């Protein structure tokens, strides 16, 4: 029997067990915590936090390491981490809230809300395509000397197949602003953070919270630089024009970033619906507990392979009748992962503040669930 067939059979068999292994139901075993701390030192990853959710309620939180290498600033349940692409699920939550209020229709083309996509294929992209990464849009556009602002165009017919796209989520951010008449910072607070008691969370990092913010670290443990420049630039811009950050909208963010010497394209802009959530383990546990109550998120919209697909806002892992929702996060110096089973309300998530953090979350998730996951093989 080939190794590929053996691995496939193994994945099918092991995916049939409950999400959290028995000895992780109330938190990681003490013996494994020591092992994980040893592996973090080897990676190196200065800090991490692991959280568990049971029956759609926040469960346990395990903080590990430090916020900043060489300091005594221990990671806690209230340490702020960049969620990176785990931001996308929070944006999807806001989109669902507006759909429930009759202000958004996932089957309508984007251009019915914001008409500035001249490309014919782009005009056929629907909100559902954006949420399921089947719009055909690129992940991020980059400027060239000849074309500093390339047009946003799909590379295939919308809905035809999977292509991961931060650009799609950023365009959805602009639609949410248009529908609500609010800036993204304020609408996320009103639609997501306040209803879920996420009192420390924001999509525009606040320098006043520096003392409880995890700093990014490179693959050798070096402290990252410039990670706070965009947020500081936007807040300084708001101060200069005499407006609160909550009141700013897309044109303001773009102007602030251009003034800071960066391209005014989505990959450089904050707040950002695809990547700029800053949150704590306490807050994020509340979010996952609530977001996974909506089983519609794992109704598959596009297939990746026999194990994986994408639903509305969440990636899907499926095997032997069990369906999991998941997402990875990858900002410079931050590597994160969330894995949930909406049907029984269980979840586990890992935030890390090091570029080698994927090794940590891979080991932690595999041990926490007691088996391998196709999603981790695929990444």
Foldseek 3Di string as FASTA:
>chain_A
DDPVVVVVVQQQVLVPDDQFDPCDPQHHDPVVVVVLLVVCVVQPFQWKKKFKWFQLHTHDIDTDGALAPPDPHGADLFFKEFQFQVLLLLLLLLQVLCVVVVLFDQCAQLCVQPNDQPDPQSRNAGNQLLQFQQSQWAQFDCADPVGLDDHTDHPDRRLPAHHHHLQSQQSVLQSSCSSVVWASFQSSCVRPCVVLVQVNKTLQDDPVCVSRYRFFAESVRHTDPPPNVLSVLLCVLCVVVVHHSRRDHLVSQLVSQVVVVDRSTQVRGPSGSRTRMMGGNVSVSSRLSPSLLPVQQQPFSHADDPQWGGGRNFIWGDHPHFIKTKDWRDDRQKTKMKIGGSVRSIIMIMITRYNSCLVSVQVVSCVRRVHHTPVNVVD
